[in-house]
């Protein structure tokens, strides 16, 4: 679907800069953020939950998991239980 509608909003410059900094850290453009917000509101018919930047410990764990560091692969639930019991 072609995006043809425009949304205009006025916000304080500092708020805009701070919000765009967070969006940048999340890897989301302002247009994507607005589209996600509107999609969620339309779908759920309510204000959505907030996105948060993970704290340092969680960010490190995510980074390590993406590199497969400390990741234990299991073929199924039974294999998972077996490995957890060790």
N, C-alpha and C. Protein backbone atom coordinates (compact mmCIF):
# COMPACT_ATOMS: atom_id res chain seq x y z
N UNK A 1 0.84 -1.17 0.00
CA UNK A 1 0.00 0.00 0.00
C UNK A 1 0.89 1.24 0.00
N UNK A 2 0.57 2.17 -0.86
CA UNK A 2 1.34 3.40 -0.96
C UNK A 2 1.01 4.33 0.20
N UNK A 3 2.06 4.89 0.79
CA UNK A 3 1.85 5.85 1.87
C UNK A 3 1.67 7.22 1.24
N UNK A 4 0.47 7.79 1.42
CA UNK A 4 0.19 9.08 0.82
C UNK A 4 -0.34 10.11 1.81
N UNK A 5 -0.74 9.68 3.00
CA UNK A 5 -1.28 10.62 3.98
C UNK A 5 -0.15 11.20 4.82
N UNK A 6 -0.33 12.44 5.22
CA UNK A 6 0.67 13.11 6.04
C UNK A 6 0.10 13.40 7.42
N UNK A 7 0.95 13.35 8.42
CA UNK A 7 0.60 13.72 9.78
C UNK A 7 1.56 14.84 10.19
N UNK A 8 1.02 15.92 10.69
CA UNK A 8 1.86 17.03 11.15
C UNK A 8 1.61 17.24 12.62
N UNK A 9 2.67 17.37 13.36
CA UNK A 9 2.53 17.63 14.80
C UNK A 9 3.66 18.56 15.22
N UNK A 10 3.35 19.44 16.13
CA UNK A 10 4.36 20.35 16.66
C UNK A 10 4.73 19.88 18.06
N UNK A 11 6.04 19.73 18.28
CA UNK A 11 6.56 19.34 19.59
C UNK A 11 7.77 20.22 19.90
N UNK A 12 8.12 20.26 21.16
CA UNK A 12 9.29 21.03 21.55
C UNK A 12 10.54 20.41 20.91
N UNK A 13 11.49 21.23 20.45
CA UNK A 13 12.69 20.72 19.81
C UNK A 13 13.47 19.73 20.68
N UNK A 14 13.57 20.00 21.98
CA UNK A 14 14.30 19.08 22.86
C UNK A 14 13.62 17.73 22.96
N UNK A 15 12.29 17.73 23.04
CA UNK A 15 11.52 16.48 23.09
C UNK A 15 11.73 15.69 21.81
N UNK A 16 11.68 16.38 20.68
CA UNK A 16 11.89 15.73 19.38
C UNK A 16 13.28 15.09 19.33
N UNK A 17 14.29 15.82 19.73
CA UNK A 17 15.66 15.30 19.71
C UNK A 17 15.82 14.10 20.63
N UNK A 18 15.27 14.21 21.84
CA UNK A 18 15.39 13.10 22.80
C UNK A 18 14.66 11.86 22.30
N UNK A 19 13.44 12.04 21.79
CA UNK A 19 12.66 10.91 21.30
C UNK A 19 13.34 10.26 20.10
N UNK A 20 13.84 11.06 19.18
CA UNK A 20 14.50 10.50 18.00
C UNK A 20 15.80 9.79 18.37
N UNK A 21 16.46 10.22 19.42
CA UNK A 21 17.65 9.52 19.90
C UNK A 21 17.29 8.11 20.38
N UNK A 22 16.19 8.02 21.13
CA UNK A 22 15.73 6.71 21.61
C UNK A 22 15.30 5.84 20.43
N UNK A 23 14.53 6.41 19.52
CA UNK A 23 14.09 5.65 18.34
C UNK A 23 15.30 5.14 17.56
N UNK A 24 16.33 5.97 17.43
CA UNK A 24 17.54 5.57 16.72
C UNK A 24 18.19 4.37 17.41
N UNK A 25 18.24 4.40 18.74
CA UNK A 25 18.81 3.28 19.49
C UNK A 25 17.99 2.01 19.31
N UNK A 26 16.69 2.16 19.12
CA UNK A 26 15.81 1.01 18.88
C UNK A 26 15.83 0.58 17.41
N UNK A 27 16.47 1.38 16.55
CA UNK A 27 16.53 1.05 15.12
C UNK A 27 15.22 1.35 14.39
N UNK A 28 14.50 2.37 14.87
CA UNK A 28 13.20 2.70 14.30
C UNK A 28 13.22 4.16 13.84
N UNK A 29 12.73 4.41 12.64
CA UNK A 29 12.63 5.79 12.16
C UNK A 29 11.38 6.43 12.76
N UNK A 30 11.32 7.77 12.77
CA UNK A 30 10.10 8.42 13.25
C UNK A 30 8.85 7.99 12.46
N UNK A 31 8.97 7.84 11.16
CA UNK A 31 7.83 7.40 10.35
C UNK A 31 7.39 5.99 10.76
N UNK A 32 8.37 5.10 10.97
CA UNK A 32 8.02 3.74 11.40
C UNK A 32 7.35 3.76 12.77
N UNK A 33 7.84 4.61 13.67
CA UNK A 33 7.26 4.69 15.01
C UNK A 33 5.80 5.15 14.94
N UNK A 34 5.54 6.16 14.14
CA UNK A 34 4.17 6.66 14.01
C UNK A 34 3.28 5.60 13.37
N UNK A 35 3.78 4.93 12.34
CA UNK A 35 3.01 3.87 11.69
C UNK A 35 2.70 2.74 12.67
N UNK A 36 3.71 2.34 13.47
CA UNK A 36 3.50 1.29 14.47
C UNK A 36 2.46 1.73 15.50
N UNK A 37 2.57 2.97 15.96
CA UNK A 37 1.63 3.50 16.94
C UNK A 37 0.21 3.48 16.39
N UNK A 38 0.02 4.01 15.21
CA UNK A 38 -1.31 4.07 14.60
C UNK A 38 -1.86 2.66 14.34
N UNK A 39 -1.01 1.75 13.86
CA UNK A 39 -1.45 0.38 13.59
C UNK A 39 -1.93 -0.31 14.86
N UNK A 40 -1.16 -0.13 15.93
CA UNK A 40 -1.51 -0.75 17.20
C UNK A 40 -2.81 -0.15 17.76
N UNK A 41 -2.93 1.15 17.71
CA UNK A 41 -4.15 1.80 18.20
C UNK A 41 -5.36 1.32 17.40
N UNK A 42 -5.24 1.25 16.09
CA UNK A 42 -6.35 0.81 15.24
C UNK A 42 -6.71 -0.65 15.52
N UNK A 43 -5.70 -1.49 15.70
CA UNK A 43 -5.93 -2.92 15.91
C UNK A 43 -6.49 -3.21 17.30
N UNK A 44 -5.87 -2.63 18.32
CA UNK A 44 -6.24 -2.93 19.70
C UNK A 44 -7.33 -2.01 20.27
N UNK A 45 -7.54 -0.89 19.59
CA UNK A 45 -8.52 0.10 20.02
C UNK A 45 -8.21 0.62 21.43
N UNK A 46 -6.91 0.76 21.72
CA UNK A 46 -6.45 1.32 22.98
C UNK A 46 -5.02 1.81 22.82
N UNK A 47 -4.52 2.52 23.84
CA UNK A 47 -3.14 2.99 23.82
C UNK A 47 -2.21 1.80 24.04
N UNK A 48 -1.16 1.66 23.22
CA UNK A 48 -0.29 0.48 23.30
C UNK A 48 0.70 0.53 24.48
N UNK A 49 1.30 -0.61 24.74
CA UNK A 49 2.37 -0.70 25.73
C UNK A 49 3.59 0.06 25.24
N UNK A 50 4.44 0.45 26.16
CA UNK A 50 5.63 1.21 25.76
C UNK A 50 6.80 0.29 25.42
N UNK A 51 7.64 0.77 24.52
CA UNK A 51 8.90 0.10 24.19
C UNK A 51 9.97 0.65 25.10
N UNK A 52 10.89 -0.20 25.51
CA UNK A 52 11.97 0.27 26.38
C UNK A 52 13.31 -0.19 25.85
N UNK A 53 14.32 0.61 26.09
CA UNK A 53 15.69 0.22 25.75
C UNK A 53 16.17 -0.67 26.90
N UNK A 54 16.70 -1.85 26.58
CA UNK A 54 17.14 -2.75 27.66
C UNK A 54 18.27 -2.13 28.49
N UNK A 55 18.30 -2.51 29.79
CA UNK A 55 19.39 -2.03 30.63
C UNK A 55 20.70 -2.69 30.18
N UNK A 56 21.81 -2.30 30.76
CA UNK A 56 23.12 -2.80 30.34
C UNK A 56 23.24 -4.31 30.39
N UNK A 57 22.78 -4.91 31.48
CA UNK A 57 22.88 -6.37 31.65
C UNK A 57 22.06 -7.10 30.58
N UNK A 58 20.84 -6.64 30.36
CA UNK A 58 19.99 -7.27 29.34
C UNK A 58 20.56 -7.06 27.95
N UNK A 59 21.07 -5.87 27.66
CA UNK A 59 21.66 -5.59 26.34
C UNK A 59 22.83 -6.51 26.07
N UNK A 60 23.69 -6.73 27.10
CA UNK A 60 24.83 -7.65 26.93
C UNK A 60 24.34 -9.08 26.67
N UNK A 61 23.31 -9.50 27.40
CA UNK A 61 22.77 -10.85 27.22
C UNK A 61 22.20 -11.03 25.81
N UNK A 62 21.52 -10.02 25.32
CA UNK A 62 20.97 -10.08 23.96
C UNK A 62 22.10 -10.17 22.94
N UNK A 63 23.12 -9.34 23.12
CA UNK A 63 24.26 -9.33 22.20
C UNK A 63 24.95 -10.70 22.20
N UNK A 64 25.17 -11.26 23.39
CA UNK A 64 25.82 -12.58 23.50
C UNK A 64 24.96 -13.67 22.87
N UNK A 65 23.66 -13.61 23.09
CA UNK A 65 22.76 -14.62 22.51
C UNK A 65 22.77 -14.55 20.98
N UNK A 66 22.82 -13.35 20.44
CA UNK A 66 22.87 -13.20 18.98
C UNK A 66 24.16 -13.77 18.39
N UNK A 67 25.24 -13.76 19.21
CA UNK A 67 26.51 -14.33 18.78
C UNK A 67 26.59 -15.81 19.14
N UNK A 68 25.51 -16.34 19.72
CA UNK A 68 25.42 -17.75 20.15
C UNK A 68 26.34 -18.07 21.31
N UNK A 69 26.81 -17.05 22.03
CA UNK A 69 27.69 -17.26 23.18
C UNK A 69 26.84 -17.72 24.36
N UNK A 70 27.12 -18.92 24.88
CA UNK A 70 26.39 -19.46 26.01
C UNK A 70 25.02 -20.00 25.66
N UNK A 71 24.72 -20.10 24.38
CA UNK A 71 23.42 -20.61 23.95
C UNK A 71 23.49 -22.13 23.87
N UNK A 72 22.51 -22.78 24.45
CA UNK A 72 22.41 -24.24 24.39
C UNK A 72 21.22 -24.57 23.52
N UNK A 73 21.47 -25.29 22.43
CA UNK A 73 20.40 -25.65 21.51
C UNK A 73 19.75 -26.96 21.94
N UNK A 74 18.44 -27.02 21.80
CA UNK A 74 17.67 -28.21 22.16
C UNK A 74 16.81 -28.60 20.97
N UNK A 75 16.67 -29.91 20.75
CA UNK A 75 15.88 -30.34 19.61
C UNK A 75 14.38 -30.35 19.91
N UNK A 76 14.02 -30.49 21.20
CA UNK A 76 12.61 -30.44 21.59
C UNK A 76 12.51 -30.19 23.09
N UNK A 77 11.28 -30.16 23.60
CA UNK A 77 11.07 -29.87 25.02
C UNK A 77 11.71 -30.92 25.92
N UNK A 78 11.64 -32.18 25.52
CA UNK A 78 12.24 -33.25 26.32
C UNK A 78 13.75 -33.06 26.43
N UNK A 79 14.38 -32.68 25.32
CA UNK A 79 15.82 -32.42 25.32
C UNK A 79 16.14 -31.23 26.22
N UNK A 80 15.28 -30.22 26.22
CA UNK A 80 15.47 -29.05 27.08
C UNK A 80 15.44 -29.46 28.56
N UNK A 81 14.43 -30.24 28.94
CA UNK A 81 14.30 -30.69 30.32
C UNK A 81 15.52 -31.52 30.73
N UNK A 82 15.96 -32.38 29.84
CA UNK A 82 17.12 -33.23 30.10
C UNK A 82 18.36 -32.35 30.37
N UNK A 83 18.55 -31.33 29.55
CA UNK A 83 19.73 -30.47 29.69
C UNK A 83 19.62 -29.57 30.94
N UNK A 84 18.39 -29.17 31.29
CA UNK A 84 18.21 -28.35 32.49
C UNK A 84 18.47 -29.15 33.77
N UNK A 85 18.20 -30.44 33.73
CA UNK A 85 18.39 -31.29 34.92
C UNK A 85 19.86 -31.60 35.19
N UNK A 86 20.72 -31.38 34.21
CA UNK A 86 22.16 -31.67 34.38
C UNK A 86 22.80 -30.67 35.29
